[in-house]
Amino acid sequence: MRLWLAEQQRQSLAAAAAIHLQWFADDNEADGRTEPPTEHKLQRLREEGQVVKSQELTGALTLLLPALMLLFLAPSMLRTCVDMIRFFFLRVTELDPTKDGIVASAFFNYLARLALPILAVAVFSAIFSNIVQTGFLFTTKPLVPDLTKMIPKVGQYFTRTLFSVDGLFNFFKSIIKMAIIGSVAFFLIRADINKLINLQKASLWIGLGTVASLAIRMLIISALLMLIIAIPDYMFQRWRFRERNKMSRQELKEEMRMYEADPQIQSRIRSRFRDLLRQNIAVTVPRADVVVTNPTHLAVALEYRPGMAGPMVSAMGADEMAARIREIAGENGVPLVEDKPLAWALYRETSVGDIIPEAYFTAVAAILSKVYAINELRKARSMSA
């Protein structure tokens, strides 16, 4: 009996301590949303300001570019700091900050010279990193007040933050980031440990240069490593964005009804279009000078009249339409010429009503000259008969 009670207590503790993997599952399958989002839905989400974006990439670039600018401008910024200190200390007994406006103007002048370049690069980095990920996007929809979002949902927040795929990924990502920054600091400090120990014997400028060099190297290396982490983070955010915005089959059907015509209407439109094409080829094919064939799959009717820039495609078609063009051409005495490469080239590169490209002038001219010669021979024979 005691063994049985001990086993039951052990199982209860294990069940209480275990974290069920279902906690980390999405609600998409429960809601029936199993289909990937369509392009129409993705476009609607983009118009609302919902796009795929990695904050790690934004943070890494916003750290890296200002750090590089700081490294580049460090000598001039140091000279500016020295000038500022000299200016205020030399006039500390002469100027009254409450009465002399030169104090405020000098302060803001030095502040702008020191901070504006770094601030401008930081703003540029933030804008550039967002444009790289989402393209140029400007919308005011996220700024529209939504009272439903103002009601705090503490339980839902903690569920999404702690017990979700995003929370688990962000947890391990934070650990990796801390490990990277700690490792960079450790190895850089260990490499310069002798210099740092001897700083108490060094001059002010040497100490300042050593510490500044260590700090800027730490910033740049950490930013580069964060930039590498941003690549898998962006891929994860892209995958999660599509997972969160999956659609149900009913939503797909409603969207198809909204953006696409009824199948019966589409069938009628296609039937009417085919009728118009048949009517057109019944008029244009008899006027053609020659029909270039594949010989069975394609047919391209060419027409040339004085004053044209070149031979014009008066009709073309494949399969059934090609058979109909050949039939009309045979009924009206239009010559059929088999030239597979030319037929494929004209079918792919031209449309009805286009003048053929100059690259095919020579080949078509040779065909038309033979056709004209045959027609003249036929006329001569008919006249002699």
Protein backbone atom coordinates (compact mmCIF):
# COMPACT_ATOMS: atom_id res chain seq x y z
CA MET A 1 0.00 0.00 0.00
CA ARG A 2 2.81 2.42 0.88
CA LEU A 3 4.57 1.65 -2.38
CA TRP A 4 1.36 2.33 -4.31
CA LEU A 5 0.84 5.71 -2.54
CA ALA A 6 4.45 6.68 -3.17
CA GLU A 7 4.11 5.84 -6.86
CA GLN A 8 0.90 7.88 -7.12
CA GLN A 9 2.56 10.87 -5.44
CA ARG A 10 5.55 10.60 -7.77
CA GLN A 11 3.30 10.54 -10.84
CA SER A 12 1.31 13.54 -9.58
CA LEU A 13 4.47 15.58 -9.03
CA ALA A 14 5.79 14.63 -12.46
CA ALA A 15 2.50 15.63 -14.10
CA ALA A 16 2.48 18.95 -12.23
CA ALA A 17 6.08 19.74 -13.20
CA ALA A 18 5.72 18.71 -16.84
CA ILE A 19 5.01 21.35 -19.49
CA HIS A 20 2.63 20.06 -22.08
CA LEU A 21 3.74 20.76 -25.61
CA GLN A 22 0.16 21.60 -26.52
CA TRP A 23 0.64 24.85 -24.59
CA PHE A 24 2.94 26.00 -27.37
CA ALA A 25 0.53 25.11 -30.19
CA ASP A 26 -1.33 27.69 -32.26
CA ASP A 27 -5.08 28.04 -32.34
CA ASN A 28 -5.19 27.90 -36.15
CA GLU A 29 -6.01 24.22 -36.41
CA ALA A 30 -8.65 24.49 -33.68
CA ASP A 31 -10.28 27.33 -35.63
CA GLY A 32 -10.08 25.42 -38.90
CA ARG A 33 -7.47 27.78 -40.38
CA THR A 34 -5.22 25.34 -42.17
CA GLU A 35 -4.73 26.98 -45.59
CA PRO A 36 -1.85 29.38 -46.39
CA PRO A 37 -2.85 33.03 -46.87
CA THR A 38 -3.61 34.18 -50.38
CA GLU A 39 -1.97 37.13 -52.12
CA HIS A 40 -5.16 39.16 -51.65
CA LYS A 41 -5.05 38.66 -47.87
CA LEU A 42 -1.34 39.44 -47.72
CA GLN A 43 -2.01 42.65 -49.64
CA ARG A 44 -4.81 43.62 -47.23
CA LEU A 45 -2.52 42.96 -44.27
CA ARG A 46 0.18 45.09 -45.86
CA GLU A 47 -2.26 47.97 -46.34
CA GLU A 48 -3.10 47.70 -42.64
CA GLY A 49 0.59 47.91 -41.73
CA GLN A 50 1.01 44.22 -40.87
CA VAL A 51 4.19 43.06 -42.57
CA VAL A 52 7.04 40.65 -41.93
CA LYS A 53 9.76 42.41 -39.98
CA SER A 54 12.67 41.37 -37.77
CA GLN A 55 13.43 43.72 -34.90
CA GLU A 56 16.85 42.08 -34.61
CA LEU A 57 17.86 43.36 -38.05
CA THR A 58 16.67 46.86 -37.18
CA GLY A 59 18.50 46.79 -33.87
CA ALA A 60 21.71 45.41 -35.38
CA LEU A 61 21.89 48.03 -38.13
CA THR A 62 20.92 50.81 -35.73
CA LEU A 63 23.84 49.73 -33.54
CA LEU A 64 26.38 49.01 -36.29
CA LEU A 65 26.13 52.13 -38.48
CA PRO A 66 26.24 54.69 -35.62
CA ALA A 67 29.17 52.76 -34.10
CA LEU A 68 31.06 52.99 -37.40
CA MET A 69 30.22 56.69 -37.64
CA LEU A 70 31.40 57.15 -34.06
CA LEU A 71 34.68 55.41 -34.91
CA PHE A 72 35.13 57.64 -37.96
CA LEU A 73 34.28 60.89 -36.15
CA ALA A 74 36.03 60.08 -32.86
CA PRO A 75 39.05 62.40 -33.38
CA SER A 76 36.94 65.40 -34.36
CA MET A 77 34.44 64.72 -31.56
CA LEU A 78 37.29 64.58 -29.05
CA ARG A 79 38.58 67.94 -30.28
CA THR A 80 35.06 69.35 -30.00
CA CYS A 81 34.78 68.10 -26.42
CA VAL A 82 38.13 69.67 -25.53
CA ASP A 83 37.06 72.99 -27.10
CA MET A 84 33.77 72.87 -25.19
CA ILE A 85 35.45 72.23 -21.85
CA ARG A 86 38.03 74.97 -22.50
CA PHE A 87 35.31 77.43 -23.53
CA PHE A 88 33.19 76.97 -20.40
CA PHE A 89 36.06 76.70 -17.90
CA LEU A 90 37.76 79.84 -19.20
CA ARG A 91 34.52 81.80 -18.81
CA VAL A 92 33.16 80.19 -15.67
CA THR A 93 33.70 83.39 -13.65
CA GLU A 94 32.73 85.83 -16.41
CA LEU A 95 29.36 84.54 -17.69
CA ASP A 96 26.04 84.25 -15.89
CA PRO A 97 23.83 81.47 -17.36
CA THR A 98 20.68 83.29 -16.24
CA LYS A 99 21.58 86.52 -18.05
CA ASP A 100 24.08 85.79 -20.81
CA GLY A 101 22.49 84.12 -23.84
CA ILE A 102 25.88 83.07 -25.17
CA VAL A 103 25.97 80.23 -22.64
CA ALA A 104 22.82 78.58 -24.02
CA SER A 105 23.77 79.19 -27.65
CA ALA A 106 27.26 77.74 -27.09
CA PHE A 107 25.79 74.73 -25.31
CA PHE A 108 23.35 73.91 -28.12
CA ASN A 109 26.06 74.56 -30.72
CA TYR A 110 28.40 72.03 -29.14
CA LEU A 111 25.54 69.59 -28.56
CA ALA A 112 24.54 69.73 -32.23
CA ARG A 113 28.14 69.21 -33.39
CA LEU A 114 28.51 66.17 -31.12
CA ALA A 115 25.09 64.51 -31.31
CA LEU A 116 23.55 65.40 -34.68
CA PRO A 117 25.86 63.26 -36.90
CA ILE A 118 25.31 60.15 -34.75
CA LEU A 119 21.59 60.87 -34.43
CA ALA A 120 21.22 61.33 -38.20
CA VAL A 121 22.98 58.03 -38.90
CA ALA A 122 20.82 56.26 -36.30
CA VAL A 123 17.62 57.60 -37.90
CA PHE A 124 18.88 56.63 -41.35
CA SER A 125 19.73 53.14 -40.07
CA ALA A 126 16.26 52.65 -38.62
CA ILE A 127 14.52 53.81 -41.81
CA PHE A 128 16.85 51.84 -44.08
CA SER A 129 16.48 48.60 -42.10
CA ASN A 130 12.69 48.84 -42.30
CA ILE A 131 12.66 49.64 -46.02
CA VAL A 132 14.99 46.69 -46.71
CA GLN A 133 12.54 44.33 -45.03
CA THR A 134 9.14 45.71 -46.04
CA GLY A 135 9.78 48.05 -48.95
CA PHE A 136 8.41 51.58 -48.93
CA LEU A 137 5.17 51.43 -46.96
CA PHE A 138 3.20 54.37 -45.61
CA THR A 139 -0.18 53.80 -44.01
CA THR A 140 -2.16 55.49 -41.25
CA LYS A 141 -4.38 52.52 -40.42
CA PRO A 142 -2.27 51.41 -37.42
CA LEU A 143 -2.82 54.90 -35.95
CA VAL A 144 -6.62 54.62 -36.03
CA PRO A 145 -7.89 54.26 -32.42
CA ASP A 146 -9.24 50.81 -31.58
CA LEU A 147 -10.98 50.61 -28.20
CA THR A 148 -10.88 46.81 -28.19
CA LYS A 149 -7.08 46.94 -28.06
CA MET A 150 -7.12 49.27 -25.06
CA ILE A 151 -8.67 46.63 -22.79
CA PRO A 152 -5.81 44.74 -21.10
CA LYS A 153 -5.80 40.99 -21.70
CA VAL A 154 -3.28 39.85 -19.12
CA GLY A 155 -3.93 36.14 -19.46
CA GLN A 156 -3.70 36.20 -23.24
CA TYR A 157 -0.54 38.32 -23.05
CA PHE A 158 1.26 35.88 -20.75
CA THR A 159 0.05 32.92 -22.79
CA ARG A 160 1.50 34.40 -25.98
CA THR A 161 4.65 35.62 -24.24
CA LEU A 162 5.52 32.51 -22.26
CA PHE A 163 3.61 29.55 -23.66
CA SER A 164 3.88 29.95 -27.42
CA VAL A 165 6.28 29.24 -30.25
CA ASP A 166 7.19 32.93 -30.36
CA GLY A 167 7.87 33.04 -26.63
CA LEU A 168 10.04 29.92 -26.77
CA PHE A 169 11.99 31.27 -29.75
CA ASN A 170 12.48 34.68 -28.14
CA PHE A 171 13.62 33.01 -24.90
CA PHE A 172 16.41 31.06 -26.61
CA LYS A 173 17.25 34.04 -28.79
CA SER A 174 17.73 36.22 -25.71
CA ILE A 175 20.02 33.60 -24.18
CA ILE A 176 22.09 33.48 -27.38
CA LYS A 177 22.34 37.27 -27.49
CA MET A 178 23.49 37.46 -23.89
CA ALA A 179 26.03 34.70 -24.54
CA ILE A 180 27.36 36.53 -27.60
CA ILE A 181 27.71 39.89 -25.86
CA GLY A 182 29.26 38.28 -22.78
CA SER A 183 31.69 36.26 -24.89
CA VAL A 184 32.74 39.30 -26.92
CA ALA A 185 33.31 41.33 -23.76
CA PHE A 186 35.21 38.49 -22.11
CA PHE A 187 37.60 37.79 -24.99
CA LEU A 188 38.26 41.46 -25.76
CA ILE A 189 38.93 42.33 -22.13
CA ARG A 190 41.11 39.26 -21.69
CA ALA A 191 43.14 40.24 -24.76
CA ASP A 192 43.76 43.74 -23.34
CA ILE A 193 43.94 42.80 -19.67
CA ASN A 194 47.58 43.85 -19.31
CA LYS A 195 46.86 47.29 -20.80
CA LEU A 196 43.86 47.75 -18.54
CA ILE A 197 45.85 46.77 -15.43
CA ASN A 198 48.60 49.29 -16.28
CA LEU A 199 46.18 52.17 -16.94
CA GLN A 200 46.80 53.49 -13.44
CA LYS A 201 50.35 54.31 -14.53
CA ALA A 202 49.36 55.74 -17.94
CA SER A 203 48.42 59.30 -18.82
CA LEU A 204 44.84 60.48 -19.20
CA TRP A 205 44.92 60.45 -23.00
CA ILE A 206 46.38 56.95 -23.19
CA GLY A 207 43.79 55.64 -20.73
CA LEU A 208 40.95 57.34 -22.60
CA GLY A 209 42.15 55.98 -25.93
CA THR A 210 42.52 52.44 -24.58
CA VAL A 211 39.05 52.32 -23.03
CA ALA A 212 37.45 53.97 -26.08
CA SER A 213 39.16 51.53 -28.44
CA LEU A 214 37.95 48.58 -26.38
CA ALA A 215 34.40 49.92 -26.22
CA ILE A 216 34.11 50.66 -29.94
CA ARG A 217 35.50 47.24 -30.89
CA MET A 218 33.03 45.63 -28.54
CA LEU A 219 30.16 47.57 -30.14
CA ILE A 220 31.11 46.78 -33.73
CA ILE A 221 31.80 43.07 -33.20
CA SER A 222 28.58 42.63 -31.21
CA ALA A 223 26.59 44.45 -33.90
CA LEU A 224 28.05 42.25 -36.64
CA LEU A 225 27.18 39.10 -34.71
CA MET A 226 23.68 40.45 -34.07
CA LEU A 227 23.36 41.06 -37.80
CA ILE A 228 24.11 37.38 -38.41
CA ILE A 229 21.45 36.39 -35.86
CA ALA A 230 18.95 38.64 -37.65
CA ILE A 231 18.96 36.37 -40.74
CA PRO A 232 17.38 33.29 -39.06
CA ASP A 233 15.18 35.63 -37.01
CA TYR A 234 13.76 37.19 -40.19
CA MET A 235 13.11 33.73 -41.67
CA PHE A 236 11.35 32.70 -38.46
CA GLN A 237 9.24 35.88 -38.42
CA ARG A 238 8.27 35.27 -42.05
CA TRP A 239 7.19 31.73 -41.25
CA ARG A 240 5.26 32.80 -38.15
CA PHE A 241 3.54 35.61 -40.03
CA ARG A 242 2.13 33.14 -42.55
CA GLU A 243 1.21 30.69 -39.80
CA ARG A 244 -0.68 33.34 -37.83
CA ASN A 245 -2.59 34.49 -40.90
CA LYS A 246 -3.68 31.13 -42.24
CA MET A 247 -7.18 30.93 -43.67
CA SER A 248 -10.03 28.48 -43.39
CA ARG A 249 -11.59 26.83 -46.41
CA GLN A 250 -14.69 28.96 -45.95
CA GLU A 251 -12.59 32.14 -46.05
CA LEU A 252 -10.94 30.90 -49.25
CA LYS A 253 -14.33 30.31 -50.87
CA GLU A 254 -15.59 33.74 -49.85
CA GLU A 255 -12.45 35.39 -51.21
CA MET A 256 -12.76 33.53 -54.51
CA ARG A 257 -16.35 34.75 -54.82
CA MET A 258 -15.22 38.28 -54.04
CA TYR A 259 -12.24 38.54 -56.38
CA GLU A 260 -13.12 36.06 -59.12
CA ALA A 261 -16.17 35.84 -61.33
CA ASP A 262 -18.65 32.99 -61.16
CA PRO A 263 -17.42 29.91 -63.12
CA GLN A 264 -20.50 29.98 -65.36
CA ILE A 265 -19.90 33.65 -66.17
CA GLN A 266 -16.24 32.92 -66.92
CA SER A 267 -17.28 30.06 -69.21
CA ARG A 268 -19.67 32.35 -71.10
CA ILE A 269 -16.96 35.01 -71.43
CA ARG A 270 -14.49 32.45 -72.82
CA SER A 271 -17.12 31.11 -75.23
CA ARG A 272 -17.93 34.63 -76.44
CA PHE A 273 -14.25 35.41 -76.83
CA ARG A 274 -13.74 32.29 -78.92
CA ASP A 275 -16.70 33.29 -81.11
CA LEU A 276 -15.18 36.74 -81.67
CA LEU A 277 -11.85 35.18 -82.57
CA ARG A 278 -13.53 32.87 -85.07
CA GLN A 279 -15.34 35.81 -86.61
CA ASN A 280 -12.09 37.76 -86.84
CA ILE A 281 -10.06 34.97 -88.38
CA ALA A 282 -12.84 34.44 -90.91
CA VAL A 283 -12.13 38.00 -92.06
CA THR A 284 -8.39 38.36 -91.54
CA VAL A 285 -7.08 34.98 -92.74
CA PRO A 286 -8.44 35.37 -96.31
CA ARG A 287 -6.60 38.70 -96.56
CA ALA A 288 -3.30 37.13 -95.48
CA ASP A 289 -0.49 36.52 -97.97
CA VAL A 290 0.83 33.38 -96.26
CA VAL A 291 0.22 31.17 -93.24
CA VAL A 292 3.35 29.86 -91.50
CA THR A 293 2.67 26.53 -89.76
CA ASN A 294 4.35 24.21 -87.27
CA PRO A 295 2.79 22.26 -89.23
CA THR A 296 0.02 20.95 -86.92
CA HIS A 297 0.26 22.76 -83.57
CA LEU A 298 0.72 26.38 -84.66
CA ALA A 299 -0.45 28.66 -87.46
CA VAL A 300 0.54 32.31 -87.97
CA ALA A 301 -1.07 34.32 -90.76
CA LEU A 302 1.06 37.14 -92.21
CA GLU A 303 -0.12 40.06 -94.30
CA TYR A 304 1.90 42.72 -96.10
CA ARG A 305 0.63 45.77 -97.98
CA PRO A 306 2.56 48.71 -99.48
CA GLY A 307 3.12 51.38 -96.86
CA MET A 308 3.44 48.96 -93.96
CA ALA A 309 6.60 49.05 -91.82
CA GLY A 310 6.86 45.29 -92.33
CA PRO A 311 4.77 42.13 -92.50
CA MET A 312 1.95 42.13 -89.96
CA VAL A 313 0.55 39.22 -87.97
CA SER A 314 -3.14 39.14 -88.92
CA ALA A 315 -4.06 35.93 -87.07
CA MET A 316 -2.42 33.25 -84.98
CA GLY A 317 -3.45 30.28 -82.94
CA ALA A 318 -2.51 26.92 -81.50
CA ASP A 319 -4.11 23.47 -81.73
CA GLU A 320 -7.84 23.92 -82.55
CA MET A 321 -7.41 27.56 -83.53
CA ALA A 322 -4.45 26.64 -85.76
CA ALA A 323 -6.54 23.96 -87.46
CA ARG A 324 -9.32 26.49 -88.08
CA ILE A 325 -6.82 29.01 -89.53
CA ARG A 326 -5.40 26.36 -91.88
CA GLU A 327 -8.93 25.37 -92.91
CA ILE A 328 -9.92 28.96 -93.75
CA ALA A 329 -6.60 29.49 -95.55
CA GLY A 330 -7.22 26.37 -97.67
CA GLU A 331 -10.74 27.49 -98.54
CA ASN A 332 -9.50 30.90 -99.68
CA GLY A 333 -6.34 29.82 -101.47
CA VAL A 334 -3.88 31.30 -98.97
CA PRO A 335 -0.56 29.39 -99.20
CA LEU A 336 0.56 27.29 -96.19
CA VAL A 337 4.32 27.25 -95.55
CA GLU A 338 5.85 24.88 -93.02
CA ASP A 339 8.64 26.51 -90.98
CA LYS A 340 8.77 25.24 -87.40
CA PRO A 341 11.42 27.62 -85.94
CA LEU A 342 9.82 30.68 -87.51
CA ALA A 343 6.30 29.67 -86.46
CA TRP A 344 7.40 29.16 -82.83
CA ALA A 345 9.36 32.43 -82.78
CA LEU A 346 6.46 34.49 -84.16
CA TYR A 347 3.97 32.79 -81.84
CA ARG A 348 6.07 33.55 -78.76
CA GLU A 349 7.26 37.06 -79.59
CA THR A 350 4.32 38.69 -81.36
CA SER A 351 0.59 39.27 -81.00
CA VAL A 352 -2.19 39.77 -83.53
CA GLY A 353 -1.78 43.17 -85.17
CA ASP A 354 1.97 43.42 -84.49
CA ILE A 355 4.61 44.05 -87.10
CA ILE A 356 7.06 41.17 -86.94
CA PRO A 357 10.49 41.88 -85.38
CA GLU A 358 13.24 42.99 -87.75
CA ALA A 359 15.22 39.86 -86.89
CA TYR A 360 12.73 37.82 -88.94
CA PHE A 361 12.41 40.19 -91.91
CA THR A 362 14.86 38.18 -94.03
CA ALA A 363 13.18 34.82 -93.39
CA VAL A 364 9.68 36.18 -93.99
CA ALA A 365 10.81 38.11 -97.08
CA ALA A 366 12.18 34.88 -98.57
CA ILE A 367 8.87 33.12 -97.92
CA LEU A 368 6.81 35.99 -99.34
CA SER A 369 8.98 36.20 -102.47
CA LYS A 370 8.40 32.48 -103.14
CA VAL A 371 4.67 32.91 -102.51
CA TYR A 372 4.47 35.90 -104.86
CA ALA A 373 6.41 33.96 -107.49
CA ILE A 374 4.02 31.01 -107.19
CA ASN A 375 1.01 33.33 -107.40
CA GLU A 376 2.38 34.99 -110.53
CA LEU A 377 2.99 31.59 -112.07
CA ARG A 378 -0.57 30.54 -111.30
CA LYS A 379 -1.95 33.73 -112.84
CA ALA A 380 0.13 33.21 -115.95
CA ARG A 381 -1.09 29.62 -116.31
CA SER A 382 -4.72 30.63 -115.77
CA MET A 383 -4.43 33.36 -118.42
CA SER A 384 -2.78 31.02 -120.93
CA ALA A 385 -5.45 28.41 -120.32
